[in-house]
Amino acid sequence: MSSAISSLLSTVSVNAVNAARTNPANSALAQTSQANAATGDTVTLSPSQQAHQLYQQGQAISQIAVALGLSVETVNGYLNISSTKS
């Protein structure tokens, strides 16, 4: 994931853009990526930073996991969310 320095908007990898074509839930991420592709100035975010940014934008944990190709448990770990299992 990249973030335009001038606008601080997030972008996603080419894989996420391709995933958006087949999964409408990812279309907002693809639109952001396409909009920021023209700006040129980008920074690459770690998966943890990407998870935090998407969570702050209101994405559900399961959506973040799918968009980043991670398990829900990994995303919960990045966000310091403990899951209680009985």
N, C-alpha and C. Protein backbone atom coordinates (compact mmCIF):
# COMPACT_ATOMS: atom_id res chain seq x y z
N MET A 1 0.85 -1.17 0.00
CA MET A 1 0.00 0.00 0.00
C MET A 1 0.89 1.22 0.00
N SER A 2 0.48 2.21 -0.74
CA SER A 2 1.20 3.47 -0.79
C SER A 2 0.28 4.58 -0.36
N SER A 3 0.88 5.65 0.08
CA SER A 3 0.08 6.81 0.48
C SER A 3 0.68 8.04 -0.16
N ALA A 4 -0.15 8.80 -0.86
CA ALA A 4 0.34 10.02 -1.50
C ALA A 4 0.78 11.00 -0.43
N ILE A 5 2.00 11.49 -0.56
CA ILE A 5 2.55 12.39 0.44
C ILE A 5 1.75 13.69 0.48
N SER A 6 1.37 14.21 -0.67
CA SER A 6 0.67 15.49 -0.70
C SER A 6 -0.74 15.42 -0.15
N SER A 7 -1.42 14.29 -0.30
CA SER A 7 -2.81 14.22 0.12
C SER A 7 -3.06 13.22 1.25
N LEU A 8 -2.05 12.42 1.58
CA LEU A 8 -2.16 11.39 2.61
C LEU A 8 -3.30 10.42 2.37
N LEU A 9 -3.67 10.21 1.13
CA LEU A 9 -4.68 9.22 0.79
C LEU A 9 -3.99 7.89 0.53
N SER A 10 -4.62 6.82 0.94
CA SER A 10 -3.99 5.52 0.77
C SER A 10 -4.21 4.96 -0.62
N THR A 11 -3.26 4.16 -1.06
CA THR A 11 -3.42 3.41 -2.29
C THR A 11 -3.14 1.94 -1.97
N VAL A 12 -3.45 1.11 -2.89
CA VAL A 12 -3.27 -0.32 -2.68
C VAL A 12 -2.40 -0.90 -3.77
N SER A 13 -1.94 -2.10 -3.56
CA SER A 13 -1.10 -2.76 -4.54
C SER A 13 -1.90 -3.14 -5.78
N VAL A 14 -1.20 -3.49 -6.82
CA VAL A 14 -1.85 -3.92 -8.06
C VAL A 14 -2.75 -5.12 -7.79
N ASN A 15 -2.33 -6.00 -6.89
CA ASN A 15 -3.15 -7.16 -6.57
C ASN A 15 -4.49 -6.74 -5.96
N ALA A 16 -4.50 -5.75 -5.11
CA ALA A 16 -5.74 -5.28 -4.51
C ALA A 16 -6.63 -4.64 -5.55
N VAL A 17 -6.03 -3.92 -6.51
CA VAL A 17 -6.82 -3.32 -7.57
C VAL A 17 -7.47 -4.41 -8.41
N ASN A 18 -6.70 -5.46 -8.73
CA ASN A 18 -7.26 -6.57 -9.48
C ASN A 18 -8.34 -7.28 -8.69
N ALA A 19 -8.15 -7.41 -7.38
CA ALA A 19 -9.17 -8.04 -6.53
C ALA A 19 -10.44 -7.22 -6.53
N ALA A 20 -10.32 -5.92 -6.62
CA ALA A 20 -11.50 -5.05 -6.61
C ALA A 20 -12.36 -5.26 -7.85
N ARG A 21 -11.72 -5.66 -8.92
CA ARG A 21 -12.48 -5.91 -10.15
C ARG A 21 -13.40 -7.11 -9.98
N THR A 22 -13.00 -8.06 -9.15
CA THR A 22 -13.82 -9.25 -8.95
C THR A 22 -14.62 -9.20 -7.67
N ASN A 23 -14.28 -8.30 -6.74
CA ASN A 23 -14.98 -8.19 -5.46
C ASN A 23 -15.37 -6.74 -5.24
N PRO A 24 -16.66 -6.41 -5.37
CA PRO A 24 -17.10 -5.03 -5.21
C PRO A 24 -16.75 -4.41 -3.85
N ALA A 25 -16.54 -5.22 -2.84
CA ALA A 25 -16.20 -4.69 -1.52
C ALA A 25 -14.86 -3.96 -1.55
N ASN A 26 -14.00 -4.30 -2.51
CA ASN A 26 -12.69 -3.67 -2.60
C ASN A 26 -12.67 -2.49 -3.57
N SER A 27 -13.81 -2.11 -4.14
CA SER A 27 -13.81 -1.09 -5.17
C SER A 27 -13.37 0.28 -4.64
N ALA A 28 -13.68 0.61 -3.40
CA ALA A 28 -13.24 1.90 -2.85
C ALA A 28 -11.72 1.96 -2.78
N LEU A 29 -11.10 0.85 -2.42
CA LEU A 29 -9.64 0.82 -2.38
C LEU A 29 -9.05 0.99 -3.77
N ALA A 30 -9.66 0.37 -4.76
CA ALA A 30 -9.17 0.48 -6.12
C ALA A 30 -9.31 1.90 -6.64
N GLN A 31 -10.43 2.57 -6.32
CA GLN A 31 -10.63 3.94 -6.76
C GLN A 31 -9.59 4.86 -6.16
N THR A 32 -9.28 4.66 -4.89
CA THR A 32 -8.26 5.48 -4.24
C THR A 32 -6.91 5.26 -4.90
N SER A 33 -6.61 4.01 -5.22
CA SER A 33 -5.34 3.70 -5.87
C SER A 33 -5.23 4.39 -7.22
N GLN A 34 -6.28 4.34 -8.00
CA GLN A 34 -6.26 4.96 -9.32
C GLN A 34 -6.14 6.48 -9.20
N ALA A 35 -6.80 7.07 -8.23
CA ALA A 35 -6.75 8.52 -8.05
C ALA A 35 -5.36 8.97 -7.65
N ASN A 36 -4.68 8.19 -6.84
CA ASN A 36 -3.36 8.57 -6.35
C ASN A 36 -2.24 8.20 -7.32
N ALA A 37 -2.52 7.36 -8.28
CA ALA A 37 -1.49 6.96 -9.23
C ALA A 37 -0.98 8.16 -10.01
N ALA A 38 -1.80 9.15 -10.21
CA ALA A 38 -1.41 10.33 -10.99
C ALA A 38 -0.54 11.30 -10.19
N THR A 39 -0.54 11.21 -8.86
CA THR A 39 0.20 12.19 -8.07
C THR A 39 1.70 11.96 -8.09
N GLY A 40 2.16 10.72 -8.20
CA GLY A 40 3.58 10.45 -8.31
C GLY A 40 4.30 10.27 -6.99
N ASP A 41 4.10 11.12 -6.00
CA ASP A 41 4.79 11.02 -4.73
C ASP A 41 4.08 10.02 -3.83
N THR A 42 4.75 8.91 -3.55
CA THR A 42 4.13 7.88 -2.72
C THR A 42 5.11 7.35 -1.69
N VAL A 43 4.58 6.72 -0.71
CA VAL A 43 5.36 6.07 0.33
C VAL A 43 4.77 4.68 0.53
N THR A 44 5.59 3.67 0.74
CA THR A 44 5.10 2.32 0.94
C THR A 44 4.86 2.07 2.42
N LEU A 45 3.67 1.59 2.74
CA LEU A 45 3.32 1.30 4.12
C LEU A 45 3.46 -0.19 4.39
N SER A 46 3.86 -0.52 5.62
CA SER A 46 3.95 -1.92 6.02
C SER A 46 2.54 -2.48 6.16
N PRO A 47 2.39 -3.80 6.16
CA PRO A 47 1.06 -4.38 6.36
C PRO A 47 0.40 -3.90 7.66
N SER A 48 1.18 -3.73 8.71
CA SER A 48 0.63 -3.25 9.97
C SER A 48 0.10 -1.82 9.82
N GLN A 49 0.86 -0.97 9.15
CA GLN A 49 0.42 0.41 8.93
C GLN A 49 -0.81 0.46 8.04
N GLN A 50 -0.84 -0.42 7.04
CA GLN A 50 -2.00 -0.49 6.16
C GLN A 50 -3.24 -0.89 6.96
N ALA A 51 -3.09 -1.88 7.83
CA ALA A 51 -4.22 -2.35 8.65
C ALA A 51 -4.72 -1.21 9.54
N HIS A 52 -3.82 -0.48 10.16
CA HIS A 52 -4.21 0.64 11.01
C HIS A 52 -4.95 1.71 10.21
N GLN A 53 -4.44 2.02 9.03
CA GLN A 53 -5.06 3.06 8.22
C GLN A 53 -6.46 2.64 7.77
N LEU A 54 -6.60 1.41 7.30
CA LEU A 54 -7.91 0.94 6.86
C LEU A 54 -8.89 0.87 8.03
N TYR A 55 -8.41 0.48 9.20
CA TYR A 55 -9.27 0.42 10.38
C TYR A 55 -9.75 1.83 10.76
N GLN A 56 -8.85 2.79 10.70
CA GLN A 56 -9.22 4.18 11.00
C GLN A 56 -10.20 4.74 9.98
N GLN A 57 -10.18 4.19 8.78
CA GLN A 57 -11.12 4.62 7.73
C GLN A 57 -12.47 3.92 7.86
N GLY A 58 -12.60 3.05 8.87
CA GLY A 58 -13.88 2.41 9.12
C GLY A 58 -14.06 1.03 8.52
N GLN A 59 -13.01 0.44 7.97
CA GLN A 59 -13.13 -0.90 7.41
C GLN A 59 -13.27 -1.94 8.51
N ALA A 60 -14.04 -2.97 8.26
CA ALA A 60 -14.19 -4.07 9.20
C ALA A 60 -12.92 -4.92 9.20
N ILE A 61 -12.65 -5.58 10.31
CA ILE A 61 -11.46 -6.43 10.44
C ILE A 61 -11.42 -7.47 9.32
N SER A 62 -12.55 -8.11 9.05
CA SER A 62 -12.58 -9.14 8.01
C SER A 62 -12.29 -8.56 6.63
N GLN A 63 -12.76 -7.34 6.36
CA GLN A 63 -12.48 -6.68 5.08
C GLN A 63 -11.00 -6.34 4.95
N ILE A 64 -10.41 -5.89 6.05
CA ILE A 64 -8.99 -5.57 6.05
C ILE A 64 -8.17 -6.83 5.77
N ALA A 65 -8.55 -7.92 6.43
CA ALA A 65 -7.83 -9.18 6.25
C ALA A 65 -7.87 -9.62 4.78
N VAL A 66 -9.04 -9.53 4.16
CA VAL A 66 -9.17 -9.93 2.76
C VAL A 66 -8.37 -9.00 1.86
N ALA A 67 -8.50 -7.69 2.08
CA ALA A 67 -7.83 -6.72 1.22
C ALA A 67 -6.31 -6.85 1.28
N LEU A 68 -5.79 -7.21 2.46
CA LEU A 68 -4.33 -7.31 2.61
C LEU A 68 -3.82 -8.74 2.46
N GLY A 69 -4.72 -9.69 2.30
CA GLY A 69 -4.31 -11.08 2.15
C GLY A 69 -3.75 -11.66 3.44
N LEU A 70 -4.33 -11.24 4.58
CA LEU A 70 -3.88 -11.69 5.89
C LEU A 70 -5.00 -12.42 6.60
N SER A 71 -4.66 -13.12 7.68
CA SER A 71 -5.69 -13.74 8.50
C SER A 71 -6.29 -12.69 9.43
N VAL A 72 -7.51 -12.95 9.88
CA VAL A 72 -8.16 -12.06 10.84
C VAL A 72 -7.33 -11.96 12.11
N GLU A 73 -6.73 -13.08 12.52
CA GLU A 73 -5.90 -13.09 13.72
C GLU A 73 -4.69 -12.16 13.57
N THR A 74 -4.09 -12.15 12.39
CA THR A 74 -2.94 -11.28 12.15
C THR A 74 -3.35 -9.82 12.21
N VAL A 75 -4.48 -9.50 11.58
CA VAL A 75 -4.98 -8.12 11.61
C VAL A 75 -5.29 -7.71 13.05
N ASN A 76 -5.93 -8.59 13.81
CA ASN A 76 -6.21 -8.30 15.21
C ASN A 76 -4.91 -8.04 15.97
N GLY A 77 -3.88 -8.80 15.68
CA GLY A 77 -2.58 -8.59 16.33
C GLY A 77 -1.99 -7.23 15.98
N TYR A 78 -2.07 -6.86 14.71
CA TYR A 78 -1.56 -5.55 14.29
C TYR A 78 -2.29 -4.42 15.00
N LEU A 79 -3.58 -4.62 15.23
CA LEU A 79 -4.41 -3.58 15.86
C LEU A 79 -4.48 -3.71 17.38
N ASN A 80 -3.73 -4.65 17.93
CA ASN A 80 -3.73 -4.91 19.37
C ASN A 80 -5.11 -5.23 19.90
N ILE A 81 -5.86 -6.00 19.13
CA ILE A 81 -7.18 -6.45 19.54
C ILE A 81 -7.04 -7.90 19.96
N SER A 82 -7.37 -8.18 21.21
CA SER A 82 -7.26 -9.55 21.69
C SER A 82 -8.57 -10.28 21.43
N SER A 83 -8.43 -11.49 20.94
CA SER A 83 -9.63 -12.30 20.72
C SER A 83 -9.77 -13.26 21.89
N THR A 84 -10.96 -13.37 22.38
CA THR A 84 -11.20 -14.28 23.50
C THR A 84 -11.78 -15.57 22.98
N LYS A 85 -11.09 -16.63 23.25
CA LYS A 85 -11.53 -17.96 22.83
C LYS A 85 -11.81 -18.77 24.09
N SER A 86 -12.93 -19.47 24.08
CA SER A 86 -13.25 -20.27 25.26
C SER A 86 -12.77 -21.69 25.11
